[in-house]
Amino acid sequence: MQDKEMVNDLLSQINSSITGYANVISQTENPQLRQTIQQIRNNCETFQYDLFKLAQQKGYYQPAQRASQEDIMVVKNQLSNS
């Protein structure tokens, strides 16, 4: 397996884990358990961002082009009118 594929697979798995942690956190009543899972999620997000930066530096990931201010306003207006 190529490095690029491994990094992209890992990023995908981490993103899924972060979503899973968010779901568990929202359903956890015990404050200590909630705090522990939030810390795990925070660590996972930090690792994901560091890996994302590495992938970007190596050219494995090309982010989408930035939206124009006009595009942002169109979406904002659409969501505000919903």
PDB file of N, CA and C in Angstrom:
ATOM      1  N   MET A   1       0.845  -1.177   0.000  1.00  0.00           N
ATOM      2  CA  MET A   1       0.000   0.000   0.000  1.00  0.00           C
ATOM      3  C   MET A   1       0.895   1.246   0.000  1.00  0.00           C
ATOM      4  N   GLN A   2       0.538   2.228  -0.778  1.00  0.00           N
ATOM      5  CA  GLN A   2       1.291   3.472  -0.872  1.00  0.00           C
ATOM      6  C   GLN A   2       1.072   4.335   0.371  1.00  0.00           C
ATOM      7  N   ASP A   3       2.063   5.179   0.678  1.00  0.00           N
ATOM      8  CA  ASP A   3       1.952   6.085   1.824  1.00  0.00           C
ATOM      9  C   ASP A   3       0.701   6.952   1.731  1.00  0.00           C
ATOM     10  N   LYS A   4       0.431   7.470   0.545  1.00  0.00           N
ATOM     11  CA  LYS A   4      -0.731   8.338   0.348  1.00  0.00           C
ATOM     12  C   LYS A   4      -2.021   7.607   0.719  1.00  0.00           C
ATOM     13  N   GLU A   5      -2.157   6.370   0.287  1.00  0.00           N
ATOM     14  CA  GLU A   5      -3.357   5.591   0.596  1.00  0.00           C
ATOM     15  C   GLU A   5      -3.481   5.332   2.089  1.00  0.00           C
ATOM     16  N   MET A   6      -2.359   5.021   2.723  1.00  0.00           N
ATOM     17  CA  MET A   6      -2.389   4.759   4.168  1.00  0.00           C
ATOM     18  C   MET A   6      -2.796   6.012   4.942  1.00  0.00           C
ATOM     19  N   VAL A   7      -2.235   7.149   4.573  1.00  0.00           N
ATOM     20  CA  VAL A   7      -2.566   8.393   5.262  1.00  0.00           C
ATOM     21  C   VAL A   7      -4.042   8.731   5.059  1.00  0.00           C
ATOM     22  N   ASN A   8      -4.516   8.616   3.823  1.00  0.00           N
ATOM     23  CA  ASN A   8      -5.921   8.924   3.554  1.00  0.00           C
ATOM     24  C   ASN A   8      -6.865   7.968   4.276  1.00  0.00           C
ATOM     25  N   ASP A   9      -6.508   6.693   4.328  1.00  0.00           N
ATOM     26  CA  ASP A   9      -7.323   5.723   5.067  1.00  0.00           C
ATOM     27  C   ASP A   9      -7.360   6.058   6.551  1.00  0.00           C
ATOM     28  N   LEU A  10      -6.194   6.402   7.096  1.00  0.00           N
ATOM     29  CA  LEU A  10      -6.122   6.748   8.514  1.00  0.00           C
ATOM     30  C   LEU A  10      -6.923   8.006   8.807  1.00  0.00           C
ATOM     31  N   LEU A  11      -6.826   9.010   7.943  1.00  0.00           N
ATOM     32  CA  LEU A  11      -7.617  10.229   8.132  1.00  0.00           C
ATOM     33  C   LEU A  11      -9.111   9.911   8.120  1.00  0.00           C
ATOM     34  N   SER A  12      -9.520   9.053   7.225  1.00  0.00           N
ATOM     35  CA  SER A  12     -10.930   8.667   7.150  1.00  0.00           C
ATOM     36  C   SER A  12     -11.380   7.952   8.428  1.00  0.00           C
ATOM     37  N   GLN A  13     -10.551   7.046   8.921  1.00  0.00           N
ATOM     38  CA  GLN A  13     -10.878   6.317  10.149  1.00  0.00           C
ATOM     39  C   GLN A  13     -10.937   7.258  11.353  1.00  0.00           C
ATOM     40  N   ILE A  14      -9.993   8.196  11.410  1.00  0.00           N
ATOM     41  CA  ILE A  14      -9.987   9.147  12.530  1.00  0.00           C
ATOM     42  C   ILE A  14     -11.230  10.019  12.494  1.00  0.00           C
ATOM     43  N   ASN A  15     -11.603  10.478  11.303  1.00  0.00           N
ATOM     44  CA  ASN A  15     -12.809  11.299  11.183  1.00  0.00           C
ATOM     45  C   ASN A  15     -14.043  10.540  11.653  1.00  0.00           C
ATOM     46  N   SER A  16     -14.120   9.265  11.327  1.00  0.00           N
ATOM     47  CA  SER A  16     -15.241   8.439  11.791  1.00  0.00           C
ATOM     48  C   SER A  16     -15.226   8.299  13.316  1.00  0.00           C
ATOM     49  N   SER A  17     -14.032   8.129  13.868  1.00  0.00           N
ATOM     50  CA  SER A  17     -13.910   8.012  15.327  1.00  0.00           C
ATOM     51  C   SER A  17     -14.347   9.294  16.021  1.00  0.00           C
ATOM     52  N   ILE A  18     -13.946  10.433  15.474  1.00  0.00           N
ATOM     53  CA  ILE A  18     -14.326  11.717  16.064  1.00  0.00           C
ATOM     54  C   ILE A  18     -15.842  11.872  16.068  1.00  0.00           C
ATOM     55  N   THR A  19     -16.480  11.474  14.978  1.00  0.00           N
ATOM     56  CA  THR A  19     -17.943  11.529  14.912  1.00  0.00           C
ATOM     57  C   THR A  19     -18.556  10.596  15.956  1.00  0.00           C
ATOM     58  N   GLY A  20     -17.983   9.413  16.088  1.00  0.00           N
ATOM     59  CA  GLY A  20     -18.476   8.468  17.092  1.00  0.00           C
ATOM     60  C   GLY A  20     -18.337   9.003  18.507  1.00  0.00           C
ATOM     61  N   TYR A  21     -17.192   9.610  18.806  1.00  0.00           N
ATOM     62  CA  TYR A  21     -17.004  10.204  20.132  1.00  0.00           C
ATOM     63  C   TYR A  21     -18.048  11.294  20.390  1.00  0.00           C
ATOM     64  N   ALA A  22     -18.320  12.121  19.401  1.00  0.00           N
ATOM     65  CA  ALA A  22     -19.308  13.191  19.568  1.00  0.00           C
ATOM     66  C   ALA A  22     -20.682  12.610  19.899  1.00  0.00           C
ATOM     67  N   ASN A  23     -21.042  11.521  19.236  1.00  0.00           N
ATOM     68  CA  ASN A  23     -22.330  10.877  19.509  1.00  0.00           C
ATOM     69  C   ASN A  23     -22.376  10.319  20.928  1.00  0.00           C
ATOM     70  N   VAL A  24     -21.297   9.693  21.355  1.00  0.00           N
ATOM     71  CA  VAL A  24     -21.256   9.129  22.709  1.00  0.00           C
ATOM     72  C   VAL A  24     -21.305  10.237  23.752  1.00  0.00           C
ATOM     73  N   ILE A  25     -20.557  11.304  23.528  1.00  0.00           N
ATOM     74  CA  ILE A  25     -20.528  12.426  24.472  1.00  0.00           C
ATOM     75  C   ILE A  25     -21.925  12.997  24.661  1.00  0.00           C
ATOM     76  N   SER A  26     -22.646  13.168  23.567  1.00  0.00           N
ATOM     77  CA  SER A  26     -23.977  13.773  23.657  1.00  0.00           C
ATOM     78  C   SER A  26     -24.971  12.889  24.405  1.00  0.00           C
ATOM     79  N   GLN A  27     -24.648  11.615  24.579  1.00  0.00           N
ATOM     80  CA  GLN A  27     -25.558  10.693  25.252  1.00  0.00           C
ATOM     81  C   GLN A  27     -25.042  10.225  26.616  1.00  0.00           C
ATOM     82  N   THR A  28     -23.955  10.828  27.080  1.00  0.00           N
ATOM     83  CA  THR A  28     -23.352  10.389  28.336  1.00  0.00           C
ATOM     84  C   THR A  28     -23.762  11.311  29.468  1.00  0.00           C
ATOM     85  N   GLU A  29     -24.329  10.722  30.511  1.00  0.00           N
ATOM     86  CA  GLU A  29     -24.804  11.494  31.653  1.00  0.00           C
ATOM     87  C   GLU A  29     -23.721  11.653  32.723  1.00  0.00           C
ATOM     88  N   ASN A  30     -22.897  10.644  32.914  1.00  0.00           N
ATOM     89  CA  ASN A  30     -21.881  10.664  33.956  1.00  0.00           C
ATOM     90  C   ASN A  30     -20.809  11.711  33.625  1.00  0.00           C
ATOM     91  N   PRO A  31     -20.642  12.728  34.487  1.00  0.00           N
ATOM     92  CA  PRO A  31     -19.701  13.820  34.185  1.00  0.00           C
ATOM     93  C   PRO A  31     -18.251  13.373  34.002  1.00  0.00           C
ATOM     94  N   GLN A  32     -17.801  12.419  34.837  1.00  0.00           N
ATOM     95  CA  GLN A  32     -16.415  11.966  34.714  1.00  0.00           C
ATOM     96  C   GLN A  32     -16.195  11.208  33.403  1.00  0.00           C
ATOM     97  N   LEU A  33     -17.137  10.346  33.067  1.00  0.00           N
ATOM     98  CA  LEU A  33     -17.032   9.598  31.823  1.00  0.00           C
ATOM     99  C   LEU A  33     -17.104  10.549  30.625  1.00  0.00           C
ATOM    100  N   ARG A  34     -18.016  11.503  30.701  1.00  0.00           N
ATOM    101  CA  ARG A  34     -18.152  12.489  29.635  1.00  0.00           C
ATOM    102  C   ARG A  34     -16.852  13.256  29.436  1.00  0.00           C
ATOM    103  N   GLN A  35     -16.240  13.692  30.528  1.00  0.00           N
ATOM    104  CA  GLN A  35     -14.988  14.443  30.456  1.00  0.00           C
ATOM    105  C   GLN A  35     -13.861  13.574  29.870  1.00  0.00           C
ATOM    106  N   THR A  36     -13.818  12.321  30.264  1.00  0.00           N
ATOM    107  CA  THR A  36     -12.794  11.410  29.748  1.00  0.00           C
ATOM    108  C   THR A  36     -12.940  11.225  28.237  1.00  0.00           C
ATOM    109  N   ILE A  37     -14.173  11.016  27.789  1.00  0.00           N
ATOM    110  CA  ILE A  37     -14.404  10.826  26.354  1.00  0.00           C
ATOM    111  C   ILE A  37     -14.113  12.123  25.592  1.00  0.00           C
ATOM    112  N   GLN A  38     -14.427  13.263  26.184  1.00  0.00           N
ATOM    113  CA  GLN A  38     -14.107  14.540  25.536  1.00  0.00           C
ATOM    114  C   GLN A  38     -12.597  14.706  25.377  1.00  0.00           C
ATOM    115  N   GLN A  39     -11.841  14.290  26.377  1.00  0.00           N
ATOM    116  CA  GLN A  39     -10.383  14.379  26.288  1.00  0.00           C
ATOM    117  C   GLN A  39      -9.839  13.448  25.208  1.00  0.00           C
ATOM    118  N   ILE A  40     -10.401  12.250  25.136  1.00  0.00           N
ATOM    119  CA  ILE A  40      -9.993  11.314  24.081  1.00  0.00           C
ATOM    120  C   ILE A  40     -10.302  11.921  22.714  1.00  0.00           C
ATOM    121  N   ARG A  41     -11.502  12.489  22.577  1.00  0.00           N
ATOM    122  CA  ARG A  41     -11.875  13.128  21.312  1.00  0.00           C
ATOM    123  C   ARG A  41     -10.939  14.283  20.973  1.00  0.00           C
ATOM    124  N   ASN A  42     -10.606  15.109  21.975  1.00  0.00           N
ATOM    125  CA  ASN A  42      -9.694  16.235  21.751  1.00  0.00           C
ATOM    126  C   ASN A  42      -8.327  15.755  21.270  1.00  0.00           C
ATOM    127  N   ASN A  43      -7.819  14.705  21.894  1.00  0.00           N
ATOM    128  CA  ASN A  43      -6.535  14.135  21.469  1.00  0.00           C
ATOM    129  C   ASN A  43      -6.621  13.604  20.039  1.00  0.00           C
ATOM    130  N   CYS A  44      -7.723  12.968  19.728  1.00  0.00           N
ATOM    131  CA  CYS A  44      -7.944  12.426  18.395  1.00  0.00           C
ATOM    132  C   CYS A  44      -8.002  13.561  17.363  1.00  0.00           C
ATOM    133  N   GLU A  45      -8.673  14.659  17.715  1.00  0.00           N
ATOM    134  CA  GLU A  45      -8.747  15.809  16.807  1.00  0.00           C
ATOM    135  C   GLU A  45      -7.377  16.431  16.581  1.00  0.00           C
ATOM    136  N   THR A  46      -6.574  16.505  17.627  1.00  0.00           N
ATOM    137  CA  THR A  46      -5.217  17.044  17.491  1.00  0.00           C
ATOM    138  C   THR A  46      -4.388  16.163  16.567  1.00  0.00           C
ATOM    139  N   PHE A  47      -4.465  14.855  16.762  1.00  0.00           N
ATOM    140  CA  PHE A  47      -3.738  13.918  15.900  1.00  0.00           C
ATOM    141  C   PHE A  47      -4.229  14.035  14.455  1.00  0.00           C
ATOM    142  N   GLN A  48      -5.538  14.135  14.275  1.00  0.00           N
ATOM    143  CA  GLN A  48      -6.105  14.251  12.934  1.00  0.00           C
ATOM    144  C   GLN A  48      -5.584  15.503  12.241  1.00  0.00           C
ATOM    145  N   TYR A  49      -5.528  16.616  12.956  1.00  0.00           N
ATOM    146  CA  TYR A  49      -5.065  17.865  12.355  1.00  0.00           C
ATOM    147  C   TYR A  49      -3.582  17.785  12.004  1.00  0.00           C
ATOM    148  N   ASP A  50      -2.795  17.196  12.883  1.00  0.00           N
ATOM    149  CA  ASP A  50      -1.359  17.033  12.595  1.00  0.00           C
ATOM    150  C   ASP A  50      -1.146  16.141  11.367  1.00  0.00           C
ATOM    151  N   LEU A  51      -1.913  15.063  11.279  1.00  0.00           N
ATOM    152  CA  LEU A  51      -1.808  14.171  10.127  1.00  0.00           C
ATOM    153  C   LEU A  51      -2.285  14.872   8.853  1.00  0.00           C
ATOM    154  N   PHE A  52      -3.342  15.656   8.968  1.00  0.00           N
ATOM    155  CA  PHE A  52      -3.841  16.432   7.834  1.00  0.00           C
ATOM    156  C   PHE A  52      -2.762  17.381   7.320  1.00  0.00           C
ATOM    157  N   LYS A  53      -2.077  18.089   8.239  1.00  0.00           N
ATOM    158  CA  LYS A  53      -1.019  19.013   7.832  1.00  0.00           C
ATOM    159  C   LYS A  53       0.114  18.269   7.130  1.00  0.00           C
ATOM    160  N   LEU A  54       0.476  17.098   7.646  1.00  0.00           N
ATOM    161  CA  LEU A  54       1.513  16.280   7.015  1.00  0.00           C
ATOM    162  C   LEU A  54       1.081  15.856   5.610  1.00  0.00           C
ATOM    163  N   ALA A  55      -0.161  15.402   5.481  1.00  0.00           N
ATOM    164  CA  ALA A  55      -0.673  14.979   4.169  1.00  0.00           C
ATOM    165  C   ALA A  55      -0.666  16.146   3.194  1.00  0.00           C
ATOM    166  N   GLN A  56      -1.006  17.298   3.665  1.00  0.00           N
ATOM    167  CA  GLN A  56      -1.018  18.485   2.816  1.00  0.00           C
ATOM    168  C   GLN A  56       0.406  18.848   2.378  1.00  0.00           C
ATOM    169  N   GLN A  57       1.364  18.791   3.307  1.00  0.00           N
ATOM    170  CA  GLN A  57       2.758  19.103   2.991  1.00  0.00           C
ATOM    171  C   GLN A  57       3.330  18.150   1.945  1.00  0.00           C
ATOM    172  N   LYS A  58       2.947  16.887   2.040  1.00  0.00           N
ATOM    173  CA  LYS A  58       3.475  15.875   1.123  1.00  0.00           C
ATOM    174  C   LYS A  58       2.717  15.840  -0.204  1.00  0.00           C
ATOM    175  N   GLY A  59       1.670  16.660  -0.305  1.00  0.00           N
ATOM    176  CA  GLY A  59       0.886  16.692  -1.536  1.00  0.00           C
ATOM    177  C   GLY A  59      -0.126  15.570  -1.644  1.00  0.00           C
ATOM    178  N   TYR A  60      -0.413  14.891  -0.528  1.00  0.00           N
ATOM    179  CA  TYR A  60      -1.385  13.799  -0.527  1.00  0.00           C
ATOM    180  C   TYR A  60      -2.810  14.326  -0.503  1.00  0.00           C
ATOM    181  N   TYR A  61      -2.959  15.562  -0.083  1.00  0.00           N
ATOM    182  CA  TYR A  61      -4.286  16.143   0.086  1.00  0.00           C
ATOM    183  C   TYR A  61      -4.281  17.547  -0.475  1.00  0.00           C
ATOM    184  N   GLN A  62      -5.235  17.839  -1.330  1.00  0.00           N
ATOM    185  CA  GLN A  62      -5.380  19.173  -1.886  1.00  0.00           C
ATOM    186  C   GLN A  62      -6.732  19.699  -1.423  1.00  0.00           C
ATOM    187  N   PRO A  63      -6.737  20.694  -0.550  1.00  0.00           N
ATOM    188  CA  PRO A  63      -8.017  21.200  -0.052  1.00  0.00           C
ATOM    189  C   PRO A  63      -8.828  21.856  -1.165  1.00  0.00           C
ATOM    190  N   ALA A  64     -10.112  21.912  -0.950  1.00  0.00           N
ATOM    191  CA  ALA A  64     -10.992  22.569  -1.913  1.00  0.00           C
ATOM    192  C   ALA A  64     -10.649  24.052  -1.985  1.00  0.00           C
ATOM    193  N   GLN A  65     -10.965  24.635  -3.112  1.00  0.00           N
ATOM    194  CA  GLN A  65     -10.719  26.055  -3.287  1.00  0.00           C
ATOM    195  C   GLN A  65     -11.592  26.832  -2.302  1.00  0.00           C
ATOM    196  N   ARG A  66     -11.052  27.919  -1.773  1.00  0.00           N
ATOM    197  CA  ARG A  66     -11.804  28.722  -0.813  1.00  0.00           C
ATOM    198  C   ARG A  66     -13.028  29.339  -1.482  1.00  0.00           C
ATOM    199  N   ALA A  67     -14.110  29.377  -0.737  1.00  0.00           N
ATOM    200  CA  ALA A  67     -15.341  29.975  -1.242  1.00  0.00           C
ATOM    201  C   ALA A  67     -15.187  31.491  -1.271  1.00  0.00           C
ATOM    202  N   SER A  68     -15.795  32.105  -2.267  1.00  0.00           N
ATOM    203  CA  SER A  68     -15.778  33.565  -2.343  1.00  0.00           C
ATOM    204  C   SER A  68     -16.740  34.122  -1.299  1.00  0.00           C
ATOM    205  N   GLN A  69     -16.578  35.389  -0.980  1.00  0.00           N
ATOM    206  CA  GLN A  69     -17.465  36.040  -0.014  1.00  0.00           C
ATOM    207  C   GLN A  69     -18.905  36.006  -0.532  1.00  0.00           C
ATOM    208  N   GLU A  70     -19.063  36.130  -1.849  1.00  0.00           N
ATOM    209  CA  GLU A  70     -20.401  36.081  -2.453  1.00  0.00           C
ATOM    210  C   GLU A  70     -21.036  34.706  -2.251  1.00  0.00           C
ATOM    211  N   ASP A  71     -20.264  33.639  -2.473  1.00  0.00           N
ATOM    212  CA  ASP A  71     -20.777  32.281  -2.268  1.00  0.00           C
ATOM    213  C   ASP A  71     -21.168  32.054  -0.812  1.00  0.00           C
ATOM    214  N   ILE A  72     -20.375  32.574   0.096  1.00  0.00           N
ATOM    215  CA  ILE A  72     -20.670  32.436   1.525  1.00  0.00           C
ATOM    216  C   ILE A  72     -21.981  33.128   1.861  1.00  0.00           C
ATOM    217  N   MET A  73     -22.185  34.322   1.330  1.00  0.00           N
ATOM    218  CA  MET A  73     -23.412  35.070   1.604  1.00  0.00           C
ATOM    219  C   MET A  73     -24.643  34.366   1.028  1.00  0.00           C
ATOM    220  N   VAL A  74     -24.507  33.771  -0.153  1.00  0.00           N
ATOM    221  CA  VAL A  74     -25.629  33.042  -0.760  1.00  0.00           C
ATOM    222  C   VAL A  74     -26.048  31.892   0.143  1.00  0.00           C
ATOM    223  N   VAL A  75     -25.083  31.105   0.598  1.00  0.00           N
ATOM    224  CA  VAL A  75     -25.398  29.970   1.472  1.00  0.00           C
ATOM    225  C   VAL A  75     -25.965  30.453   2.801  1.00  0.00           C
ATOM    226  N   LYS A  76     -25.375  31.491   3.348  1.00  0.00           N
ATOM    227  CA  LYS A  76     -25.864  32.054   4.623  1.00  0.00           C
ATOM    228  C   LYS A  76     -27.313  32.494   4.489  1.00  0.00           C
ATOM    229  N   ASN A  77     -27.626  33.174   3.405  1.00  0.00           N
ATOM    230  CA  ASN A  77     -29.007  33.627   3.180  1.00  0.00           C
ATOM    231  C   ASN A  77     -29.954  32.454   2.996  1.00  0.00           C
ATOM    232  N   GLN A  78     -29.520  31.434   2.275  1.00  0.00           N
ATOM    233  CA  GLN A  78     -30.366  30.257   2.080  1.00  0.00           C
ATOM    234  C   GLN A  78     -30.669  29.576   3.403  1.00  0.00           C
ATOM    235  N   LEU A  79     -29.664  29.466   4.256  1.00  0.00           N
ATOM    236  CA  LEU A  79     -29.861  28.802   5.550  1.00  0.00           C
ATOM    237  C   LEU A  79     -30.695  29.658   6.492  1.00  0.00           C
ATOM    238  N   SER A  80     -30.550  30.960   6.404  1.00  0.00           N
ATOM    239  CA  SER A  80     -31.311  31.870   7.264  1.00  0.00           C
ATOM    240  C   SER A  80     -32.795  31.874   6.896  1.00  0.00           C
ATOM    241  N   ASN A  81     -33.097  31.640   5.619  1.00  0.00           N
ATOM    242  CA  ASN A  81     -34.483  31.663   5.149  1.00  0.00           C
ATOM    243  C   ASN A  81     -35.167  30.324   5.267  1.00  0.00           C
ATOM    244  N   SER A  82     -34.463  29.310   5.747  1.00  0.00           N
ATOM    245  CA  SER A  82     -35.042  27.963   5.841  1.00  0.00           C
ATOM    246  C   SER A  82     -35.923  27.826   7.036  1.00  0.00           C
TER     247      SER A  82
END
